[in-house]
Amino acid sequence: MAHAHINHSNIHLKWSNKIPPVLTVESGTELNFDLKDGFNNLVHPKTTAAELPGLDTSQTDPAFGPVAVQGAEPGDVLRVDILDLTPAAYGWTAVFPNFGLLSDEFPGPHLKIWDLSTISEGYAEFKEGIRVPTQPFLGVMGLAPPQEGELSTIPPYNWGGNIDCKHITRGSSLYLPVQVPGALFSCGDGHAAQGDGEICGTAIETPMKARLRLTLEKNKPWIKSPHYLTSSEVKNRANNNRGQEYAAVGIDDNLLEATKKGLRSAIDWLVGEKGLTREEAYMLCSVVADLKIVEAVDMPHYAVACSIPLSIFVDKK
C-alpha cells in the first residue's frame, strides 16, 4: 500500500481551488498528516488567558494539504477512512471574546490547559473528580470548493471543511462530494474531545498526527453533503448505546434548514442504498434517526447530522 506524508509546511488558511496540490496520489493511498492545532499552535501550555484577545485570528482553523487524487472528477465521492489519530501531550479549551453560543453571557477571555498524558486510558481530567472521555477526531476535513475565489476555513460547507463532528473518530469513514478535478483534500483542527455543537467555540484543541486513507468512489449521487459511517467499535464505548451509525450532514445558515437538509440527505441514502421508497424512508427516520447539532458556532453555517443505527438492518430470511 502506498504511503505519503503531509507536514506543517503544507498549510493554507483559506479554501480555494487554485491552491496547487502538495502531491497527487492514487485512490487507496494512505497518508500521514502532521497537523498543528486549530489556532496554528499559537496557544500552548505557557499561554495565559490575558494573551488570547491579542492572538492573530487570521490563523484560525488552518488546513493542511491539499492532496489530489488521480481520476477524481466532479460528481464522484471521496471516502476518507480514519485509520489512526494521535494527539499531543497537551490540549486547551478557551472562551474567546465575541465567540461561542453564549458569547454575550461569557465575554471571556478564559483558558484551560489540559494534561493529555492519560489519553491512553481513555480520559482527560477536567478537575479533581471530573474525568472527560477522550475521543480524538479532526474538526477540519474538506475538499476544494467549486466556486472561484477564497473562502474562510472557519465554517462547514457541503464539500466539507470545519464540520467539527465528534463522531468521525478512528475507524470511521467520511464521504465528501468531489467539486473539482483531483478533489484536493485537506484536513486539520485536531480535537481530543468535544460535545455536539462545540458550544463555547473550542473543544480540547490539540496538535494531532493523523493517518488517513483516501479512496475514490463513483455512482453515489445521493451524497451531496458530508456523510459519515461511524466506527464498528463504537458500540464498545461507554457513552454510546446505538452501535455503528450512518449519518448525513445538512449545512445551512438557518438551523431549521440545516436540519431539513440532513434529513433529506439521509432519506436519499435510504432510497439509494437500501431500496426504500421516499415515504418509507421518511417514516423510518421518524422512528430510528437521531438529529445531532454537530456544529453550532462556526457561522455563517450550522451543521446537523441525521444518523441511522445500522443495527436495524438484519439479514432477510
Protein backbone atom coordinates (compact mmCIF):
# COMPACT_ATOMS: atom_id res chain seq x y z
CA MET A 1 0.00 0.00 0.00
CA ALA A 2 1.32 3.42 -0.99
CA HIS A 3 2.07 5.94 1.79
CA ALA A 4 2.68 9.69 1.72
CA HIS A 5 3.33 12.42 4.29
CA ILE A 6 1.98 15.96 4.78
CA ASN A 7 3.81 18.22 7.26
CA HIS A 8 3.45 21.63 8.93
CA SER A 9 4.75 23.50 5.90
CA ASN A 10 1.84 22.31 3.74
CA ILE A 11 -0.58 24.82 5.27
CA HIS A 12 -3.33 27.03 3.87
CA LEU A 13 -5.67 29.41 5.68
CA LYS A 14 -8.35 29.69 3.00
CA TRP A 15 -10.21 27.21 0.80
CA SER A 16 -9.54 27.70 -2.91
CA ASN A 17 -9.46 25.50 -5.99
CA LYS A 18 -6.39 27.47 -7.15
CA ILE A 19 -4.10 26.08 -4.42
CA PRO A 20 -1.81 23.59 -6.18
CA PRO A 21 -1.70 20.10 -4.66
CA VAL A 22 1.22 19.20 -2.42
CA LEU A 23 1.16 15.80 -4.03
CA THR A 24 -1.02 13.61 -6.23
CA VAL A 25 -1.87 10.07 -5.11
CA GLU A 26 -3.72 7.05 -6.41
CA SER A 27 -7.06 6.05 -4.96
CA GLY A 28 -6.49 3.92 -1.87
CA THR A 29 -3.33 5.69 -0.73
CA GLU A 30 -2.65 6.03 3.00
CA LEU A 31 -1.33 9.42 4.14
CA ASN A 32 0.32 10.58 7.35
CA PHE A 33 -0.50 14.15 8.41
CA ASP A 34 1.47 16.11 11.00
CA LEU A 35 -1.04 18.79 12.00
CA LYS A 36 -0.90 21.98 14.02
CA ASP A 37 -3.93 22.74 16.18
CA GLY A 38 -6.94 24.87 15.32
CA PHE A 39 -5.11 28.09 16.18
CA ASN A 40 -1.91 27.25 14.31
CA ASN A 41 -0.18 26.30 17.60
CA LEU A 42 -0.35 29.89 18.88
CA VAL A 43 -1.83 28.56 22.13
CA HIS A 44 0.48 26.34 24.17
CA PRO A 45 0.92 25.29 27.83
CA LYS A 46 2.56 28.60 28.79
CA THR A 47 -0.15 30.79 27.21
CA THR A 48 -2.28 32.85 29.59
CA ALA A 49 -5.92 33.86 29.19
CA ALA A 50 -4.89 37.52 29.02
CA GLU A 51 -2.99 36.81 25.80
CA LEU A 52 -5.99 35.37 23.93
CA PRO A 53 -7.54 38.65 22.68
CA GLY A 54 -4.22 39.65 21.10
CA LEU A 55 -3.78 36.47 19.03
CA ASP A 56 -3.95 36.72 15.24
CA THR A 57 -7.42 35.43 14.37
CA SER A 58 -6.40 35.02 10.72
CA GLN A 59 -4.55 31.89 11.88
CA THR A 60 -7.78 30.15 12.92
CA ASP A 61 -8.57 26.68 11.54
CA PRO A 62 -5.58 26.10 9.26
CA ALA A 63 -5.89 23.22 6.80
CA PHE A 64 -3.01 21.03 5.65
CA GLY A 65 -2.69 19.83 2.06
CA PRO A 66 -4.19 19.78 -0.43
CA VAL A 67 -3.77 16.27 -1.81
CA ALA A 68 -5.06 15.46 -5.30
CA VAL A 69 -6.49 12.01 -6.03
CA GLN A 70 -5.95 10.66 -9.53
CA GLY A 71 -9.14 10.30 -11.56
CA ALA A 72 -11.37 12.29 -9.19
CA GLU A 73 -13.99 14.31 -11.06
CA PRO A 74 -16.97 16.44 -10.01
CA GLY A 75 -19.85 14.12 -9.18
CA ASP A 76 -17.57 11.50 -7.63
CA VAL A 77 -17.24 10.86 -3.88
CA LEU A 78 -14.03 10.83 -1.86
CA ARG A 79 -14.09 8.39 1.05
CA VAL A 80 -11.76 9.34 3.90
CA ASP A 81 -11.02 6.43 6.24
CA ILE A 82 -9.76 7.49 9.68
CA LEU A 83 -7.06 4.93 10.44
CA ASP A 84 -5.28 6.47 13.43
CA LEU A 85 -5.23 9.72 15.42
CA THR A 86 -2.56 10.66 17.97
CA PRO A 87 -3.00 13.88 19.98
CA ALA A 88 -0.14 15.85 21.51
CA ALA A 89 0.68 15.65 25.23
CA TYR A 90 -1.40 18.78 25.94
CA GLY A 91 -4.60 20.41 24.80
CA TRP A 92 -6.55 23.59 25.53
CA THR A 93 -10.08 24.93 25.74
CA ALA A 94 -10.77 28.66 25.58
CA VAL A 95 -13.53 31.23 25.71
CA PHE A 96 -12.67 33.98 23.24
CA PRO A 97 -14.38 37.37 23.34
CA ASN A 98 -17.34 37.63 20.94
CA PHE A 99 -17.30 33.93 20.05
CA GLY A 100 -19.41 31.00 21.21
CA LEU A 101 -23.10 30.20 21.56
CA LEU A 102 -23.46 32.36 24.71
CA SER A 103 -20.81 34.95 23.87
CA ASP A 104 -22.98 37.76 25.27
CA GLU A 105 -23.10 36.00 28.66
CA PHE A 106 -19.49 34.75 28.74
CA PRO A 107 -17.32 37.53 27.32
CA GLY A 108 -14.03 35.90 28.38
CA PRO A 109 -11.21 35.52 27.95
CA HIS A 110 -10.82 32.21 29.78
CA LEU A 111 -8.34 29.39 29.13
CA LYS A 112 -7.85 25.86 30.39
CA ILE A 113 -4.71 23.88 29.56
CA TRP A 114 -5.29 20.12 29.59
CA ASP A 115 -2.81 17.40 30.51
CA LEU A 116 -3.40 14.65 27.94
CA SER A 117 -0.97 12.16 29.46
CA THR A 118 -3.92 9.94 30.47
CA ILE A 119 -5.38 9.77 26.97
CA SER A 120 -4.18 6.17 26.58
CA GLU A 121 -6.51 5.38 29.49
CA GLY A 122 -9.40 6.99 27.64
CA TYR A 123 -9.87 10.20 29.59
CA ALA A 124 -8.51 13.64 30.43
CA GLU A 125 -9.03 15.22 33.85
CA PHE A 126 -11.04 18.45 33.80
CA LYS A 127 -10.51 18.97 37.53
CA GLU A 128 -10.35 16.68 40.53
CA GLY A 129 -13.34 14.37 40.39
CA ILE A 130 -14.26 15.10 36.74
CA ARG A 131 -12.88 12.87 34.00
CA VAL A 132 -13.78 13.66 30.38
CA PRO A 133 -13.84 10.66 27.98
CA THR A 134 -11.37 11.32 25.17
CA GLN A 135 -12.46 10.70 21.60
CA PRO A 136 -9.88 12.17 19.18
CA PHE A 137 -11.08 13.46 15.80
CA LEU A 138 -10.30 16.08 13.19
CA GLY A 139 -12.55 19.13 13.08
CA VAL A 140 -11.46 20.09 9.55
CA MET A 141 -11.69 17.67 6.61
CA GLY A 142 -12.68 19.05 3.27
CA LEU A 143 -12.21 19.40 -0.47
CA ALA A 144 -11.59 22.35 -2.75
CA PRO A 145 -14.73 24.40 -3.45
CA PRO A 146 -16.31 24.68 -6.91
CA GLN A 147 -16.51 28.49 -6.96
CA GLU A 148 -13.70 30.91 -7.72
CA GLY A 149 -12.03 32.99 -5.05
CA GLU A 150 -11.08 32.25 -1.46
CA LEU A 151 -13.41 31.02 1.27
CA SER A 152 -12.94 31.02 5.05
CA THR A 153 -11.79 27.81 6.72
CA ILE A 154 -13.92 28.55 9.80
CA PRO A 155 -17.42 27.31 8.77
CA PRO A 156 -18.50 23.94 7.32
CA TYR A 157 -19.66 23.61 3.71
CA ASN A 158 -21.39 20.98 1.58
CA TRP A 159 -17.98 19.72 0.45
CA GLY A 160 -16.62 19.53 3.99
CA GLY A 161 -14.41 21.95 5.89
CA ASN A 162 -14.75 22.71 9.59
CA ILE A 163 -17.51 20.17 10.26
CA ASP A 164 -16.37 19.67 13.88
CA CYS A 165 -18.23 16.35 14.04
CA LYS A 166 -17.09 14.37 17.09
CA HIS A 167 -18.48 11.11 15.68
CA ILE A 168 -15.87 10.82 12.90
CA THR A 169 -13.25 9.09 15.03
CA ARG A 170 -10.71 6.33 14.43
CA GLY A 171 -12.33 3.53 12.45
CA SER A 172 -14.91 5.90 10.90
CA SER A 173 -15.29 6.93 7.27
CA LEU A 174 -16.23 10.36 5.90
CA TYR A 175 -17.78 10.73 2.45
CA LEU A 176 -17.31 14.06 0.64
CA PRO A 177 -18.76 15.11 -2.75
CA VAL A 178 -15.98 16.00 -5.20
CA GLN A 179 -16.30 19.51 -6.66
CA VAL A 180 -13.20 19.89 -8.84
CA PRO A 181 -10.82 17.56 -10.73
CA GLY A 182 -8.48 15.85 -8.30
CA ALA A 183 -10.80 16.53 -5.32
CA LEU A 184 -7.96 18.39 -3.45
CA PHE A 185 -8.34 17.11 0.11
CA SER A 186 -7.04 18.93 3.20
CA CYS A 187 -7.51 18.45 6.94
CA GLY A 188 -6.61 19.87 10.36
CA ASP A 189 -8.05 21.12 13.68
CA GLY A 190 -7.32 18.17 15.96
CA HIS A 191 -9.55 17.63 18.99
CA ALA A 192 -9.12 15.23 21.91
CA ALA A 193 -12.79 15.53 22.94
CA GLN A 194 -15.85 17.65 22.17
CA GLY A 195 -19.57 17.76 22.82
CA ASP A 196 -22.02 18.00 19.93
CA GLY A 197 -22.17 21.66 18.90
CA GLU A 198 -18.80 22.80 20.34
CA ILE A 199 -20.87 25.40 22.16
CA CYS A 200 -18.22 27.69 23.70
CA GLY A 201 -16.36 27.72 20.37
CA THR A 202 -13.49 25.39 21.26
CA ALA A 203 -13.10 21.71 22.13
CA ILE A 204 -9.99 20.16 23.66
CA GLU A 205 -7.82 21.64 20.93
CA THR A 206 -4.54 19.81 20.30
CA PRO A 207 -1.90 19.24 17.63
CA MET A 208 -2.52 15.88 16.01
CA LYS A 209 -0.80 13.19 13.98
CA ALA A 210 -3.30 11.52 11.65
CA ARG A 211 -3.19 8.52 9.36
CA LEU A 212 -5.91 8.59 6.70
CA ARG A 213 -6.76 6.65 3.56
CA LEU A 214 -8.26 8.42 0.53
CA THR A 215 -10.42 6.29 -1.78
CA LEU A 216 -12.38 7.41 -4.82
CA GLU A 217 -15.96 6.13 -5.13
CA LYS A 218 -18.38 6.60 -8.02
CA ASN A 219 -22.11 6.22 -8.61
CA LYS A 220 -23.29 7.60 -5.27
CA PRO A 221 -25.38 10.57 -6.42
CA TRP A 222 -27.16 10.83 -3.06
CA ILE A 223 -24.01 12.19 -1.42
CA LYS A 224 -24.29 15.94 -1.97
CA SER A 225 -23.02 16.94 1.50
CA PRO A 226 -20.78 15.26 4.07
CA HIS A 227 -21.93 11.76 5.08
CA TYR A 228 -20.19 9.54 7.59
CA LEU A 229 -20.09 5.97 8.86
CA THR A 230 -19.08 5.59 12.49
CA SER A 231 -16.58 3.00 13.68
CA SER A 232 -17.77 -0.59 14.05
CA GLU A 233 -16.17 -0.45 17.52
CA VAL A 234 -18.30 2.49 18.65
CA LYS A 235 -20.73 0.19 20.48
CA ASN A 236 -17.93 -0.66 22.90
CA ARG A 237 -17.70 2.92 24.15
CA ALA A 238 -19.39 3.69 27.42
CA ASN A 239 -21.17 6.76 26.05
CA ASN A 240 -22.80 5.03 23.06
CA ASN A 241 -25.65 2.53 23.03
CA ARG A 242 -26.74 2.77 19.40
CA GLY A 243 -23.79 0.97 17.85
CA GLN A 244 -22.47 1.79 14.38
CA GLU A 245 -24.37 4.54 12.55
CA TYR A 246 -24.59 6.07 9.09
CA ALA A 247 -25.29 9.79 9.05
CA ALA A 248 -25.89 12.61 6.58
CA VAL A 249 -24.95 16.18 7.50
CA GLY A 250 -27.08 19.14 6.47
CA ILE A 251 -25.36 22.52 6.28
CA ASP A 252 -27.10 25.88 6.10
CA ASP A 253 -27.04 29.34 7.67
CA ASN A 254 -30.50 28.60 9.10
CA LEU A 255 -30.63 25.88 11.77
CA LEU A 256 -34.04 24.59 10.69
CA GLU A 257 -32.97 24.40 7.04
CA ALA A 258 -29.73 22.62 8.03
CA THR A 259 -31.87 20.08 9.93
CA LYS A 260 -34.16 19.56 6.93
CA LYS A 261 -31.16 19.13 4.62
CA GLY A 262 -29.65 16.48 6.88
CA LEU A 263 -32.95 14.59 6.96
CA ARG A 264 -33.45 14.84 3.19
CA SER A 265 -29.94 13.56 2.59
CA ALA A 266 -30.47 10.61 4.95
CA ILE A 267 -33.70 9.82 3.08
CA ASP A 268 -31.77 9.91 -0.21
CA TRP A 269 -29.27 7.40 1.24
CA LEU A 270 -32.02 5.04 2.37
CA VAL A 271 -33.61 5.20 -1.07
CA GLY A 272 -30.34 4.83 -3.00
CA GLU A 273 -28.54 2.32 -0.78
CA LYS A 274 -31.36 0.38 0.92
CA GLY A 275 -34.04 0.44 -1.79
CA LEU A 276 -36.79 2.10 0.24
CA THR A 277 -39.43 4.39 -1.18
CA ARG A 278 -39.13 8.01 -0.09
CA GLU A 279 -42.24 7.64 2.07
CA GLU A 280 -40.85 4.51 3.75
CA ALA A 281 -37.55 6.26 4.36
CA TYR A 282 -39.26 9.30 5.87
CA MET A 283 -41.27 7.19 8.31
CA LEU A 284 -38.25 5.04 9.20
CA CYS A 285 -36.23 8.16 10.03
CA SER A 286 -39.00 9.31 12.35
CA VAL A 287 -38.71 6.18 14.48
CA VAL A 288 -34.96 5.45 14.45
CA ALA A 289 -32.97 8.53 13.34
CA ASP A 290 -31.24 10.90 15.74
CA LEU A 291 -30.70 14.56 14.90
CA LYS A 292 -27.41 15.92 16.23
CA ILE A 293 -26.30 19.56 16.08
CA VAL A 294 -22.66 18.75 15.39
CA GLU A 295 -21.65 22.38 14.80
CA ALA A 296 -23.49 25.40 16.24
CA VAL A 297 -20.93 28.21 16.49
CA ASP A 298 -18.91 28.46 13.26
CA MET A 299 -21.06 30.97 11.44
CA PRO A 300 -22.44 31.53 8.92
CA HIS A 301 -23.30 27.81 8.80
CA TYR A 302 -24.82 25.28 11.16
CA ALA A 303 -24.20 21.54 10.68
CA VAL A 304 -26.87 19.00 11.67
CA ALA A 305 -26.37 15.23 11.31
CA CYS A 306 -29.24 12.81 10.80
CA SER A 307 -27.89 9.44 11.98
CA ILE A 308 -29.34 5.98 11.49
CA PRO A 309 -28.22 2.93 13.53
CA LEU A 310 -27.06 0.13 11.23
CA SER A 311 -28.24 -2.50 13.71
CA ILE A 312 -31.78 -2.14 12.32
CA PHE A 313 -30.73 -3.75 9.04
CA VAL A 314 -30.86 -7.51 9.52
CA ASP A 315 -30.40 -10.33 7.01
CA LYS A 316 -33.54 -11.23 5.13
CA LYS A 317 -34.81 -14.71 5.93
